[in-house]
Amino acid sequence: SQNLRPGSFLTILGSNLASSAVADQTPVPTLLGGVCVTFSDTPLPLLETAPGRIVGQVPEDLAPGMYVAQVRSLATGQRSDPVIVTVQKP
């Protein structure tokens, strides 16, 4: 879904997304498996990454509005195509 709420979990599916990793600390990191996911330059906490899947969470304090979502690879220096998502009021 491209309509999300602050605090909700999201799953990004694709190929060659990231290395396999699981968050094992709190606060949950925003860089995991060599990637980060941003909503208009706001990094999302990442719970799990794999080549075909990323699981993250919309920050609790993210204001409602429209954001440009992207996966950014630090390993390759590449970014995914941008996707517009809407964060709704909690």
C-alpha atoms as a PDB file:
ATOM      1  CA  SER A   1       0.000   0.000   0.000  1.00  0.00           C
ATOM      2  CA  GLN A   2       1.164   3.510  -0.647  1.00  0.00           C
ATOM      3  CA  ASN A   3      -0.994   4.884   2.193  1.00  0.00           C
ATOM      4  CA  LEU A   4       0.696   4.436   5.557  1.00  0.00           C
ATOM      5  CA  ARG A   5       0.368   5.647   9.139  1.00  0.00           C
ATOM      6  CA  PRO A   6       3.126   6.701  11.546  1.00  0.00           C
ATOM      7  CA  GLY A   7       4.391   3.618  13.398  1.00  0.00           C
ATOM      8  CA  SER A   8       3.145   1.159  10.766  1.00  0.00           C
ATOM      9  CA  PHE A   9       5.378  -1.546   9.348  1.00  0.00           C
ATOM     10  CA  LEU A  10       6.119  -1.843   5.649  1.00  0.00           C
ATOM     11  CA  THR A  11       7.615  -4.471   3.369  1.00  0.00           C
ATOM     12  CA  ILE A  12       9.488  -3.609   0.197  1.00  0.00           C
ATOM     13  CA  LEU A  13       9.795  -6.432  -2.338  1.00  0.00           C
ATOM     14  CA  GLY A  14      12.226  -6.596  -5.237  1.00  0.00           C
ATOM     15  CA  SER A  15      15.516  -8.096  -6.293  1.00  0.00           C
ATOM     16  CA  ASN A  16      19.104  -7.279  -5.348  1.00  0.00           C
ATOM     17  CA  LEU A  17      17.828  -4.975  -2.602  1.00  0.00           C
ATOM     18  CA  ALA A  18      20.268  -5.650   0.243  1.00  0.00           C
ATOM     19  CA  SER A  19      22.443  -8.143   2.064  1.00  0.00           C
ATOM     20  CA  SER A  20      20.706 -10.418   4.560  1.00  0.00           C
ATOM     21  CA  ALA A  21      20.624  -8.886   8.050  1.00  0.00           C
ATOM     22  CA  VAL A  22      18.338  -8.664  11.086  1.00  0.00           C
ATOM     23  CA  ALA A  23      18.274  -5.770  13.559  1.00  0.00           C
ATOM     24  CA  ASP A  24      19.571  -6.960  16.921  1.00  0.00           C
ATOM     25  CA  GLN A  25      19.684  -3.698  18.828  1.00  0.00           C
ATOM     26  CA  THR A  26      17.460  -0.883  19.980  1.00  0.00           C
ATOM     27  CA  PRO A  27      16.918   1.663  18.775  1.00  0.00           C
ATOM     28  CA  VAL A  28      16.499  -0.153  15.500  1.00  0.00           C
ATOM     29  CA  PRO A  29      19.121   1.014  12.954  1.00  0.00           C
ATOM     30  CA  THR A  30      18.332   3.048   9.861  1.00  0.00           C
ATOM     31  CA  LEU A  31      21.213   1.392   7.999  1.00  0.00           C
ATOM     32  CA  LEU A  32      21.026  -2.392   7.707  1.00  0.00           C
ATOM     33  CA  GLY A  33      22.273  -4.888   5.131  1.00  0.00           C
ATOM     34  CA  GLY A  34      24.127  -2.126   3.306  1.00  0.00           C
ATOM     35  CA  VAL A  35      20.990  -0.092   2.567  1.00  0.00           C
ATOM     36  CA  CYS A  36      18.756   2.574   3.979  1.00  0.00           C
ATOM     37  CA  VAL A  37      15.171   3.470   3.077  1.00  0.00           C
ATOM     38  CA  THR A  38      14.160   7.111   3.067  1.00  0.00           C
ATOM     39  CA  PHE A  39      10.933   9.045   2.913  1.00  0.00           C
ATOM     40  CA  SER A  40      12.043  12.387   1.418  1.00  0.00           C
ATOM     41  CA  ASP A  41      15.458  12.110   3.103  1.00  0.00           C
ATOM     42  CA  THR A  42      14.006  10.897   6.444  1.00  0.00           C
ATOM     43  CA  PRO A  43      15.571   7.494   7.190  1.00  0.00           C
ATOM     44  CA  LEU A  44      13.277   4.665   8.283  1.00  0.00           C
ATOM     45  CA  PRO A  45      14.172   2.162  11.024  1.00  0.00           C
ATOM     46  CA  LEU A  46      14.921  -1.199   9.390  1.00  0.00           C
ATOM     47  CA  LEU A  47      14.071  -4.518  11.044  1.00  0.00           C
ATOM     48  CA  GLU A  48      15.218  -6.987   8.396  1.00  0.00           C
ATOM     49  CA  THR A  49      16.881  -6.928   4.991  1.00  0.00           C
ATOM     50  CA  ALA A  50      17.453  -9.575   2.348  1.00  0.00           C
ATOM     51  CA  PRO A  51      18.151  -9.617  -1.391  1.00  0.00           C
ATOM     52  CA  GLY A  52      14.406  -9.789  -2.140  1.00  0.00           C
ATOM     53  CA  ARG A  53      12.822  -8.023   0.836  1.00  0.00           C
ATOM     54  CA  ILE A  54      13.216  -5.123   3.262  1.00  0.00           C
ATOM     55  CA  VAL A  55      11.060  -4.743   6.389  1.00  0.00           C
ATOM     56  CA  GLY A  56      10.967  -1.322   8.018  1.00  0.00           C
ATOM     57  CA  GLN A  57       8.806   0.979  10.097  1.00  0.00           C
ATOM     58  CA  VAL A  58       7.402   4.430   9.427  1.00  0.00           C
ATOM     59  CA  PRO A  59       8.771   6.726  12.161  1.00  0.00           C
ATOM     60  CA  GLU A  60       6.224   7.425  14.902  1.00  0.00           C
ATOM     61  CA  ASP A  61       6.868  11.181  14.689  1.00  0.00           C
ATOM     62  CA  LEU A  62       6.655  11.506  10.889  1.00  0.00           C
ATOM     63  CA  ALA A  63       4.178  14.245   9.972  1.00  0.00           C
ATOM     64  CA  PRO A  64       1.239  13.397   7.703  1.00  0.00           C
ATOM     65  CA  GLY A  65       1.856  14.236   4.052  1.00  0.00           C
ATOM     66  CA  MET A  66       3.268  12.981   0.787  1.00  0.00           C
ATOM     67  CA  TYR A  67       6.824  11.620   0.670  1.00  0.00           C
ATOM     68  CA  VAL A  68       9.216  10.278  -1.954  1.00  0.00           C
ATOM     69  CA  ALA A  69      10.259   6.764  -0.894  1.00  0.00           C
ATOM     70  CA  GLN A  70      13.591   5.341  -2.062  1.00  0.00           C
ATOM     71  CA  VAL A  71      15.905   2.464  -1.247  1.00  0.00           C
ATOM     72  CA  ARG A  72      19.531   3.632  -1.202  1.00  0.00           C
ATOM     73  CA  SER A  73      22.424   1.193  -1.411  1.00  0.00           C
ATOM     74  CA  LEU A  74      25.618   2.273   0.268  1.00  0.00           C
ATOM     75  CA  ALA A  75      27.402  -0.747  -1.203  1.00  0.00           C
ATOM     76  CA  THR A  76      26.707   0.215  -4.831  1.00  0.00           C
ATOM     77  CA  GLY A  77      25.884   3.927  -4.529  1.00  0.00           C
ATOM     78  CA  GLN A  78      22.575   3.353  -6.336  1.00  0.00           C
ATOM     79  CA  ARG A  79      19.013   4.429  -5.570  1.00  0.00           C
ATOM     80  CA  SER A  80      15.730   2.796  -6.487  1.00  0.00           C
ATOM     81  CA  ASP A  81      13.180   4.550  -8.614  1.00  0.00           C
ATOM     82  CA  PRO A  82      11.217   6.993  -6.455  1.00  0.00           C
ATOM     83  CA  VAL A  83       7.723   6.029  -5.283  1.00  0.00           C
ATOM     84  CA  ILE A  84       5.260   8.549  -3.851  1.00  0.00           C
ATOM     85  CA  VAL A  85       3.717   7.427  -0.540  1.00  0.00           C
ATOM     86  CA  THR A  86       1.183   9.160   1.659  1.00  0.00           C
ATOM     87  CA  VAL A  87       1.493   9.166   5.434  1.00  0.00           C
ATOM     88  CA  GLN A  88      -1.933   9.645   6.993  1.00  0.00           C
ATOM     89  CA  LYS A  89      -2.896  10.972  10.391  1.00  0.00           C
ATOM     90  CA  PRO A  90      -2.569   8.376  13.179  1.00  0.00           C
END
